[in-house]
Amino acid sequence: MRSLNATHRVLNNEAAKKCLDLESKNADFMQVYEVIKGENAKQMYDEGNVDKGILACGQGIGLARDIPTLKELFDRMANEARQALSRL
């Protein structure tokens, strides 16, 4: 989104690729806006489709190697907590 002076890191997804493509073709604001608008982000969060909108992220995203479901994450956390408590 450099054409809009918004140079933050975003997840490399379909929306980000589309935005880059539009910018490389000198698209106008409204064309880029259709990709980056908040309504797309809301659908992304509501539906779970990460390609739907722009998702800002920090450089730590490069360290992610495992992306569990929420259930898997909470089950792991609960098991780790049980193990820690059993050592007391």
PDB file of N, CA and C in Angstrom:
ATOM      1  N   MET A   1       0.823  -1.180   0.000  1.00  0.00           N
ATOM      2  CA  MET A   1       0.000   0.000   0.000  1.00  0.00           C
ATOM      3  C   MET A   1       0.875   1.255   0.000  1.00  0.00           C
ATOM      4  N   ARG A   2       2.026   1.115  -0.614  1.00  0.00           N
ATOM      5  CA  ARG A   2       2.948   2.250  -0.679  1.00  0.00           C
ATOM      6  C   ARG A   2       2.348   3.435  -1.421  1.00  0.00           C
ATOM      7  N   SER A   3       1.483   3.165  -2.393  1.00  0.00           N
ATOM      8  CA  SER A   3       0.885   4.268  -3.144  1.00  0.00           C
ATOM      9  C   SER A   3       0.014   5.147  -2.243  1.00  0.00           C
ATOM     10  N   LEU A   4      -0.374   4.617  -1.089  1.00  0.00           N
ATOM     11  CA  LEU A   4      -1.196   5.367  -0.131  1.00  0.00           C
ATOM     12  C   LEU A   4      -0.369   5.831   1.061  1.00  0.00           C
ATOM     13  N   ASN A   5       0.957   5.706   0.959  1.00  0.00           N
ATOM     14  CA  ASN A   5       1.881   6.037   2.051  1.00  0.00           C
ATOM     15  C   ASN A   5       1.606   5.216   3.299  1.00  0.00           C
ATOM     16  N   ALA A   6       1.167   3.989   3.123  1.00  0.00           N
ATOM     17  CA  ALA A   6       0.932   3.060   4.232  1.00  0.00           C
ATOM     18  C   ALA A   6       1.910   1.904   4.053  1.00  0.00           C
ATOM     19  N   THR A   7       3.067   2.034   4.641  1.00  0.00           N
ATOM     20  CA  THR A   7       4.136   1.061   4.400  1.00  0.00           C
ATOM     21  C   THR A   7       4.313   0.116   5.584  1.00  0.00           C
ATOM     22  N   HIS A   8       3.247  -0.482   6.040  1.00  0.00           N
ATOM     23  CA  HIS A   8       3.357  -1.450   7.125  1.00  0.00           C
ATOM     24  C   HIS A   8       3.397  -2.864   6.538  1.00  0.00           C
ATOM     25  N   ARG A   9       3.895  -3.792   7.346  1.00  0.00           N
ATOM     26  CA  ARG A   9       3.957  -5.187   6.907  1.00  0.00           C
ATOM     27  C   ARG A   9       2.568  -5.799   6.946  1.00  0.00           C
ATOM     28  N   VAL A  10       2.288  -6.631   5.944  1.00  0.00           N
ATOM     29  CA  VAL A  10       1.023  -7.354   5.916  1.00  0.00           C
ATOM     30  C   VAL A  10       1.289  -8.807   5.556  1.00  0.00           C
ATOM     31  N   LEU A  11       0.355  -9.658   5.921  1.00  0.00           N
ATOM     32  CA  LEU A  11       0.434 -11.063   5.572  1.00  0.00           C
ATOM     33  C   LEU A  11       0.444 -11.209   4.051  1.00  0.00           C
ATOM     34  N   ASN A  12       1.296 -12.091   3.551  1.00  0.00           N
ATOM     35  CA  ASN A  12       1.389 -12.334   2.116  1.00  0.00           C
ATOM     36  C   ASN A  12       0.230 -13.235   1.701  1.00  0.00           C
ATOM     37  N   ASN A  13      -0.922 -12.615   1.442  1.00  0.00           N
ATOM     38  CA  ASN A  13      -2.116 -13.365   1.058  1.00  0.00           C
ATOM     39  C   ASN A  13      -2.635 -12.845  -0.278  1.00  0.00           C
ATOM     40  N   GLU A  14      -3.751 -13.352  -0.714  1.00  0.00           N
ATOM     41  CA  GLU A  14      -4.290 -12.963  -2.025  1.00  0.00           C
ATOM     42  C   GLU A  14      -4.624 -11.472  -2.093  1.00  0.00           C
ATOM     43  N   ALA A  15      -5.175 -10.912  -1.011  1.00  0.00           N
ATOM     44  CA  ALA A  15      -5.509  -9.490  -1.010  1.00  0.00           C
ATOM     45  C   ALA A  15      -4.250  -8.634  -1.133  1.00  0.00           C
ATOM     46  N   ALA A  16      -3.189  -9.001  -0.429  1.00  0.00           N
ATOM     47  CA  ALA A  16      -1.933  -8.249  -0.508  1.00  0.00           C
ATOM     48  C   ALA A  16      -1.330  -8.345  -1.909  1.00  0.00           C
ATOM     49  N   LYS A  17      -1.401  -9.528  -2.494  1.00  0.00           N
ATOM     50  CA  LYS A  17      -0.872  -9.697  -3.858  1.00  0.00           C
ATOM     51  C   LYS A  17      -1.670  -8.866  -4.852  1.00  0.00           C
ATOM     52  N   LYS A  18      -2.989  -8.826  -4.679  1.00  0.00           N
ATOM     53  CA  LYS A  18      -3.844  -8.034  -5.555  1.00  0.00           C
ATOM     54  C   LYS A  18      -3.521  -6.549  -5.413  1.00  0.00           C
ATOM     55  N   CYS A  19      -3.300  -6.109  -4.184  1.00  0.00           N
ATOM     56  CA  CYS A  19      -2.948  -4.723  -3.923  1.00  0.00           C
ATOM     57  C   CYS A  19      -1.629  -4.378  -4.621  1.00  0.00           C
ATOM     58  N   LEU A  20      -0.626  -5.239  -4.481  1.00  0.00           N
ATOM     59  CA  LEU A  20       0.662  -5.019  -5.152  1.00  0.00           C
ATOM     60  C   LEU A  20       0.488  -4.950  -6.668  1.00  0.00           C
ATOM     61  N   ASP A  21      -0.316  -5.847  -7.197  1.00  0.00           N
ATOM     62  CA  ASP A  21      -0.554  -5.875  -8.629  1.00  0.00           C
ATOM     63  C   ASP A  21      -1.201  -4.573  -9.102  1.00  0.00           C
ATOM     64  N   LEU A  22      -2.214  -4.120  -8.377  1.00  0.00           N
ATOM     65  CA  LEU A  22      -2.885  -2.870  -8.736  1.00  0.00           C
ATOM     66  C   LEU A  22      -1.920  -1.687  -8.671  1.00  0.00           C
ATOM     67  N   GLU A  23      -1.107  -1.643  -7.617  1.00  0.00           N
ATOM     68  CA  GLU A  23      -0.151  -0.541  -7.482  1.00  0.00           C
ATOM     69  C   GLU A  23       0.876  -0.552  -8.613  1.00  0.00           C
ATOM     70  N   SER A  24       1.304  -1.750  -9.009  1.00  0.00           N
ATOM     71  CA  SER A  24       2.286  -1.824 -10.096  1.00  0.00           C
ATOM     72  C   SER A  24       1.698  -1.332 -11.419  1.00  0.00           C
ATOM     73  N   LYS A  25       0.374  -1.333 -11.521  1.00  0.00           N
ATOM     74  CA  LYS A  25      -0.317  -0.859 -12.721  1.00  0.00           C
ATOM     75  C   LYS A  25      -0.826   0.578 -12.551  1.00  0.00           C
ATOM     76  N   ASN A  26      -0.340   1.247 -11.485  1.00  0.00           N
ATOM     77  CA  ASN A  26      -0.745   2.634 -11.191  1.00  0.00           C
ATOM     78  C   ASN A  26      -2.257   2.791 -11.076  1.00  0.00           C
ATOM     79  N   ALA A  27      -2.888   1.845 -10.413  1.00  0.00           N
ATOM     80  CA  ALA A  27      -4.339   1.899 -10.204  1.00  0.00           C
ATOM     81  C   ALA A  27      -4.698   3.124  -9.378  1.00  0.00           C
ATOM     82  N   ASP A  28      -5.910   3.601  -9.540  1.00  0.00           N
ATOM     83  CA  ASP A  28      -6.340   4.746  -8.741  1.00  0.00           C
ATOM     84  C   ASP A  28      -6.771   4.281  -7.344  1.00  0.00           C
ATOM     85  N   PHE A  29      -7.019   5.250  -6.488  1.00  0.00           N
ATOM     86  CA  PHE A  29      -7.341   4.950  -5.096  1.00  0.00           C
ATOM     87  C   PHE A  29      -8.534   4.016  -4.963  1.00  0.00           C
ATOM     88  N   MET A  30      -9.590   4.253  -5.703  1.00  0.00           N
ATOM     89  CA  MET A  30     -10.811   3.453  -5.546  1.00  0.00           C
ATOM     90  C   MET A  30     -10.580   1.984  -5.920  1.00  0.00           C
ATOM     91  N   GLN A  31      -9.719   1.733  -6.890  1.00  0.00           N
ATOM     92  CA  GLN A  31      -9.416   0.341  -7.247  1.00  0.00           C
ATOM     93  C   GLN A  31      -8.676  -0.352  -6.109  1.00  0.00           C
ATOM     94  N   VAL A  32      -7.704   0.338  -5.529  1.00  0.00           N
ATOM     95  CA  VAL A  32      -6.957  -0.225  -4.396  1.00  0.00           C
ATOM     96  C   VAL A  32      -7.876  -0.353  -3.186  1.00  0.00           C
ATOM     97  N   TYR A  33      -8.704   0.659  -2.976  1.00  0.00           N
ATOM     98  CA  TYR A  33      -9.621   0.660  -1.834  1.00  0.00           C
ATOM     99  C   TYR A  33     -10.531  -0.563  -1.830  1.00  0.00           C
ATOM    100  N   GLU A  34     -10.991  -0.992  -2.978  1.00  0.00           N
ATOM    101  CA  GLU A  34     -11.867  -2.167  -3.056  1.00  0.00           C
ATOM    102  C   GLU A  34     -11.193  -3.415  -2.485  1.00  0.00           C
ATOM    103  N   VAL A  35      -9.871  -3.462  -2.502  1.00  0.00           N
ATOM    104  CA  VAL A  35      -9.121  -4.605  -1.969  1.00  0.00           C
ATOM    105  C   VAL A  35      -8.837  -4.436  -0.483  1.00  0.00           C
ATOM    106  N   ILE A  36      -8.566  -3.203  -0.048  1.00  0.00           N
ATOM    107  CA  ILE A  36      -8.077  -2.983   1.317  1.00  0.00           C
ATOM    108  C   ILE A  36      -9.138  -2.497   2.297  1.00  0.00           C
ATOM    109  N   LYS A  37     -10.348  -2.286   1.838  1.00  0.00           N
ATOM    110  CA  LYS A  37     -11.382  -1.688   2.697  1.00  0.00           C
ATOM    111  C   LYS A  37     -11.707  -2.562   3.910  1.00  0.00           C
ATOM    112  N   GLY A  38     -12.169  -1.900   4.931  1.00  0.00           N
ATOM    113  CA  GLY A  38     -12.480  -2.560   6.189  1.00  0.00           C
ATOM    114  C   GLY A  38     -13.542  -3.632   6.104  1.00  0.00           C
ATOM    115  N   GLU A  39     -14.486  -3.476   5.182  1.00  0.00           N
ATOM    116  CA  GLU A  39     -15.526  -4.487   5.016  1.00  0.00           C
ATOM    117  C   GLU A  39     -14.922  -5.842   4.651  1.00  0.00           C
ATOM    118  N   ASN A  40     -13.844  -5.814   3.866  1.00  0.00           N
ATOM    119  CA  ASN A  40     -13.151  -7.067   3.517  1.00  0.00           C
ATOM    120  C   ASN A  40     -12.498  -7.673   4.749  1.00  0.00           C
ATOM    121  N   ALA A  41     -11.880  -6.819   5.564  1.00  0.00           N
ATOM    122  CA  ALA A  41     -11.249  -7.311   6.788  1.00  0.00           C
ATOM    123  C   ALA A  41     -12.299  -7.914   7.719  1.00  0.00           C
ATOM    124  N   LYS A  42     -13.456  -7.274   7.822  1.00  0.00           N
ATOM    125  CA  LYS A  42     -14.523  -7.810   8.676  1.00  0.00           C
ATOM    126  C   LYS A  42     -14.953  -9.190   8.194  1.00  0.00           C
ATOM    127  N   GLN A  43     -15.124  -9.345   6.876  1.00  0.00           N
ATOM    128  CA  GLN A  43     -15.469 -10.660   6.339  1.00  0.00           C
ATOM    129  C   GLN A  43     -14.370 -11.670   6.634  1.00  0.00           C
ATOM    130  N   MET A  44     -13.116 -11.223   6.549  1.00  0.00           N
ATOM    131  CA  MET A  44     -11.995 -12.102   6.823  1.00  0.00           C
ATOM    132  C   MET A  44     -12.087 -12.649   8.252  1.00  0.00           C
ATOM    133  N   TYR A  45     -12.340 -11.761   9.191  1.00  0.00           N
ATOM    134  CA  TYR A  45     -12.434 -12.185  10.589  1.00  0.00           C
ATOM    135  C   TYR A  45     -13.698 -13.000  10.845  1.00  0.00           C
ATOM    136  N   ASP A  46     -14.817 -12.594  10.269  1.00  0.00           N
ATOM    137  CA  ASP A  46     -16.084 -13.291  10.494  1.00  0.00           C
ATOM    138  C   ASP A  46     -16.093 -14.686   9.878  1.00  0.00           C
ATOM    139  N   GLU A  47     -15.534 -14.811   8.670  1.00  0.00           N
ATOM    140  CA  GLU A  47     -15.600 -16.067   7.930  1.00  0.00           C
ATOM    141  C   GLU A  47     -14.353 -16.933   8.080  1.00  0.00           C
ATOM    142  N   GLY A  48     -13.254 -16.328   8.557  1.00  0.00           N
ATOM    143  CA  GLY A  48     -12.017 -17.091   8.713  1.00  0.00           C
ATOM    144  C   GLY A  48     -11.218 -17.254   7.433  1.00  0.00           C
ATOM    145  N   ASN A  49     -11.560 -16.513   6.404  1.00  0.00           N
ATOM    146  CA  ASN A  49     -10.850 -16.592   5.129  1.00  0.00           C
ATOM    147  C   ASN A  49      -9.759 -15.527   5.116  1.00  0.00           C
ATOM    148  N   VAL A  50      -8.505 -15.916   5.372  1.00  0.00           N
ATOM    149  CA  VAL A  50      -7.415 -14.948   5.501  1.00  0.00           C
ATOM    150  C   VAL A  50      -7.008 -14.313   4.177  1.00  0.00           C
ATOM    151  N   ASP A  51      -7.539 -14.794   3.070  1.00  0.00           N
ATOM    152  CA  ASP A  51      -7.241 -14.179   1.780  1.00  0.00           C
ATOM    153  C   ASP A  51      -8.200 -13.036   1.445  1.00  0.00           C
ATOM    154  N   LYS A  52      -9.202 -12.837   2.258  1.00  0.00           N
ATOM    155  CA  LYS A  52     -10.263 -11.878   1.969  1.00  0.00           C
ATOM    156  C   LYS A  52      -9.820 -10.425   2.128  1.00  0.00           C
ATOM    157  N   GLY A  53      -8.938 -10.150   3.085  1.00  0.00           N
ATOM    158  CA  GLY A  53      -8.556  -8.763   3.352  1.00  0.00           C
ATOM    159  C   GLY A  53      -7.090  -8.627   3.720  1.00  0.00           C
ATOM    160  N   ILE A  54      -6.704  -7.398   3.985  1.00  0.00           N
ATOM    161  CA  ILE A  54      -5.334  -7.074   4.373  1.00  0.00           C
ATOM    162  C   ILE A  54      -5.190  -7.342   5.875  1.00  0.00           C
ATOM    163  N   LEU A  55      -4.164  -8.083   6.238  1.00  0.00           N
ATOM    164  CA  LEU A  55      -3.932  -8.434   7.634  1.00  0.00           C
ATOM    165  C   LEU A  55      -2.551  -7.951   8.037  1.00  0.00           C
ATOM    166  N   ALA A  56      -2.507  -6.861   8.798  1.00  0.00           N
ATOM    167  CA  ALA A  56      -1.235  -6.301   9.244  1.00  0.00           C
ATOM    168  C   ALA A  56      -0.542  -7.266  10.205  1.00  0.00           C
ATOM    169  N   CYS A  57       0.770  -7.318  10.133  1.00  0.00           N
ATOM    170  CA  CYS A  57       1.537  -8.180  11.036  1.00  0.00           C
ATOM    171  C   CYS A  57       2.929  -7.599  11.230  1.00  0.00           C
ATOM    172  N   GLY A  58       3.583  -7.994  12.296  1.00  0.00           N
ATOM    173  CA  GLY A  58       4.938  -7.550  12.578  1.00  0.00           C
ATOM    174  C   GLY A  58       5.961  -8.511  12.005  1.00  0.00           C
ATOM    175  N   GLN A  59       7.225  -8.184  12.192  1.00  0.00           N
ATOM    176  CA  GLN A  59       8.274  -9.032  11.629  1.00  0.00           C
ATOM    177  C   GLN A  59       8.356 -10.390  12.316  1.00  0.00           C
ATOM    178  N   GLY A  60       7.754 -10.521  13.485  1.00  0.00           N
ATOM    179  CA  GLY A  60       7.731 -11.805  14.177  1.00  0.00           C
ATOM    180  C   GLY A  60       6.973 -12.879  13.416  1.00  0.00           C
ATOM    181  N   ILE A  61       6.157 -12.483  12.450  1.00  0.00           N
ATOM    182  CA  ILE A  61       5.397 -13.448  11.652  1.00  0.00           C
ATOM    183  C   ILE A  61       6.338 -14.413  10.948  1.00  0.00           C
ATOM    184  N   GLY A  62       7.540 -13.953  10.662  1.00  0.00           N
ATOM    185  CA  GLY A  62       8.520 -14.808   9.993  1.00  0.00           C
ATOM    186  C   GLY A  62       8.995 -15.952  10.867  1.00  0.00           C
ATOM    187  N   LEU A  63       8.751 -15.876  12.152  1.00  0.00           N
ATOM    188  CA  LEU A  63       9.170 -16.928  13.080  1.00  0.00           C
ATOM    189  C   LEU A  63       8.101 -17.996  13.277  1.00  0.00           C
ATOM    190  N   ALA A  64       6.905 -17.765  12.785  1.00  0.00           N
ATOM    191  CA  ALA A  64       5.804 -18.716  12.968  1.00  0.00           C
ATOM    192  C   ALA A  64       6.065 -19.980  12.155  1.00  0.00           C
ATOM    193  N   ARG A  65       6.047 -21.099  12.823  1.00  0.00           N
ATOM    194  CA  ARG A  65       6.252 -22.385  12.161  1.00  0.00           C
ATOM    195  C   ARG A  65       5.070 -23.325  12.360  1.00  0.00           C
ATOM    196  N   ASP A  66       4.201 -22.967  13.285  1.00  0.00           N
ATOM    197  CA  ASP A  66       3.084 -23.828  13.645  1.00  0.00           C
ATOM    198  C   ASP A  66       1.864 -22.937  13.866  1.00  0.00           C
ATOM    199  N   ILE A  67       0.814 -23.187  13.138  1.00  0.00           N
ATOM    200  CA  ILE A  67      -0.388 -22.382  13.292  1.00  0.00           C
ATOM    201  C   ILE A  67      -1.550 -23.323  13.627  1.00  0.00           C
ATOM    202  N   PRO A  68      -1.712 -23.609  14.924  1.00  0.00           N
ATOM    203  CA  PRO A  68      -2.767 -24.541  15.330  1.00  0.00           C
ATOM    204  C   PRO A  68      -4.141 -23.877  15.316  1.00  0.00           C
ATOM    205  N   THR A  69      -5.170 -24.708  15.354  1.00  0.00           N
ATOM    206  CA  THR A  69      -6.514 -24.175  15.544  1.00  0.00           C
ATOM    207  C   THR A  69      -6.600 -23.672  16.980  1.00  0.00           C
ATOM    208  N   LEU A  70      -7.624 -22.894  17.284  1.00  0.00           N
ATOM    209  CA  LEU A  70      -7.771 -22.421  18.664  1.00  0.00           C
ATOM    210  C   LEU A  70      -7.935 -23.585  19.626  1.00  0.00           C
ATOM    211  N   LYS A  71      -8.683 -24.601  19.230  1.00  0.00           N
ATOM    212  CA  LYS A  71      -8.862 -25.766  20.098  1.00  0.00           C
ATOM    213  C   LYS A  71      -7.523 -26.429  20.390  1.00  0.00           C
ATOM    214  N   GLU A  72      -6.722 -26.645  19.341  1.00  0.00           N
ATOM    215  CA  GLU A  72      -5.405 -27.263  19.535  1.00  0.00           C
ATOM    216  C   GLU A  72      -4.530 -26.403  20.443  1.00  0.00           C
ATOM    217  N   LEU A  73      -4.567 -25.096  20.247  1.00  0.00           N
ATOM    218  CA  LEU A  73      -3.765 -24.191  21.062  1.00  0.00           C
ATOM    219  C   LEU A  73      -4.174 -24.266  22.527  1.00  0.00           C
ATOM    220  N   PHE A  74      -5.481 -24.183  22.801  1.00  0.00           N
ATOM    221  CA  PHE A  74      -5.937 -24.228  24.189  1.00  0.00           C
ATOM    222  C   PHE A  74      -5.685 -25.602  24.817  1.00  0.00           C
ATOM    223  N   ASP A  75      -5.842 -26.676  24.052  1.00  0.00           N
ATOM    224  CA  ASP A  75      -5.530 -28.013  24.576  1.00  0.00           C
ATOM    225  C   ASP A  75      -4.060 -28.108  24.952  1.00  0.00           C
ATOM    226  N   ARG A  76      -3.184 -27.596  24.107  1.00  0.00           N
ATOM    227  CA  ARG A  76      -1.741 -27.593  24.415  1.00  0.00           C
ATOM    228  C   ARG A  76      -1.442 -26.797  25.668  1.00  0.00           C
ATOM    229  N   MET A  77      -2.050 -25.611  25.749  1.00  0.00           N
ATOM    230  CA  MET A  77      -1.809 -24.757  26.914  1.00  0.00           C
ATOM    231  C   MET A  77      -2.278 -25.447  28.195  1.00  0.00           C
ATOM    232  N   ALA A  78      -3.436 -26.082  28.133  1.00  0.00           N
ATOM    233  CA  ALA A  78      -3.968 -26.777  29.307  1.00  0.00           C
ATOM    234  C   ALA A  78      -3.051 -27.937  29.695  1.00  0.00           C
ATOM    235  N   ASN A  79      -2.575 -28.700  28.715  1.00  0.00           N
ATOM    236  CA  ASN A  79      -1.658 -29.812  29.008  1.00  0.00           C
ATOM    237  C   ASN A  79      -0.349 -29.314  29.601  1.00  0.00           C
ATOM    238  N   GLU A  80       0.183 -28.231  29.055  1.00  0.00           N
ATOM    239  CA  GLU A  80       1.431 -27.661  29.598  1.00  0.00           C
ATOM    240  C   GLU A  80       1.224 -27.177  31.015  1.00  0.00           C
ATOM    241  N   ALA A  81       0.063 -26.578  31.297  1.00  0.00           N
ATOM    242  CA  ALA A  81      -0.234 -26.103  32.654  1.00  0.00           C
ATOM    243  C   ALA A  81      -0.338 -27.296  33.611  1.00  0.00           C
ATOM    244  N   ARG A  82      -1.004 -28.377  33.174  1.00  0.00           N
ATOM    245  CA  ARG A  82      -1.107 -29.573  34.019  1.00  0.00           C
ATOM    246  C   ARG A  82       0.274 -30.145  34.323  1.00  0.00           C
ATOM    247  N   GLN A  83       1.127 -30.204  33.314  1.00  0.00           N
ATOM    248  CA  GLN A  83       2.483 -30.718  33.516  1.00  0.00           C
ATOM    249  C   GLN A  83       3.271 -29.842  34.476  1.00  0.00           C
ATOM    250  N   ALA A  84       3.153 -28.540  34.326  1.00  0.00           N
ATOM    251  CA  ALA A  84       3.860 -27.613  35.234  1.00  0.00           C
ATOM    252  C   ALA A  84       3.360 -27.778  36.657  1.00  0.00           C
ATOM    253  N   LEU A  85       2.054 -27.922  36.837  1.00  0.00           N
ATOM    254  CA  LEU A  85       1.489 -28.081  38.184  1.00  0.00           C
ATOM    255  C   LEU A  85       1.869 -29.413  38.800  1.00  0.00           C
ATOM    256  N   SER A  86       2.013 -30.428  37.978  1.00  0.00           N
ATOM    257  CA  SER A  86       2.370 -31.747  38.517  1.00  0.00           C
ATOM    258  C   SER A  86       3.806 -31.777  39.029  1.00  0.00           C
ATOM    259  N   ARG A  87       4.634 -30.823  38.595  1.00  0.00           N
ATOM    260  CA  ARG A  87       6.027 -30.769  39.058  1.00  0.00           C
ATOM    261  C   ARG A  87       6.190 -30.017  40.360  1.00  0.00           C
ATOM    262  N   LEU A  88       5.103 -29.393  40.846  1.00  0.00           N
ATOM    263  CA  LEU A  88       5.180 -28.610  42.097  1.00  0.00           C
ATOM    264  C   LEU A  88       5.156 -29.508  43.308  1.00  0.00           C
TER     265      LEU A  88
END
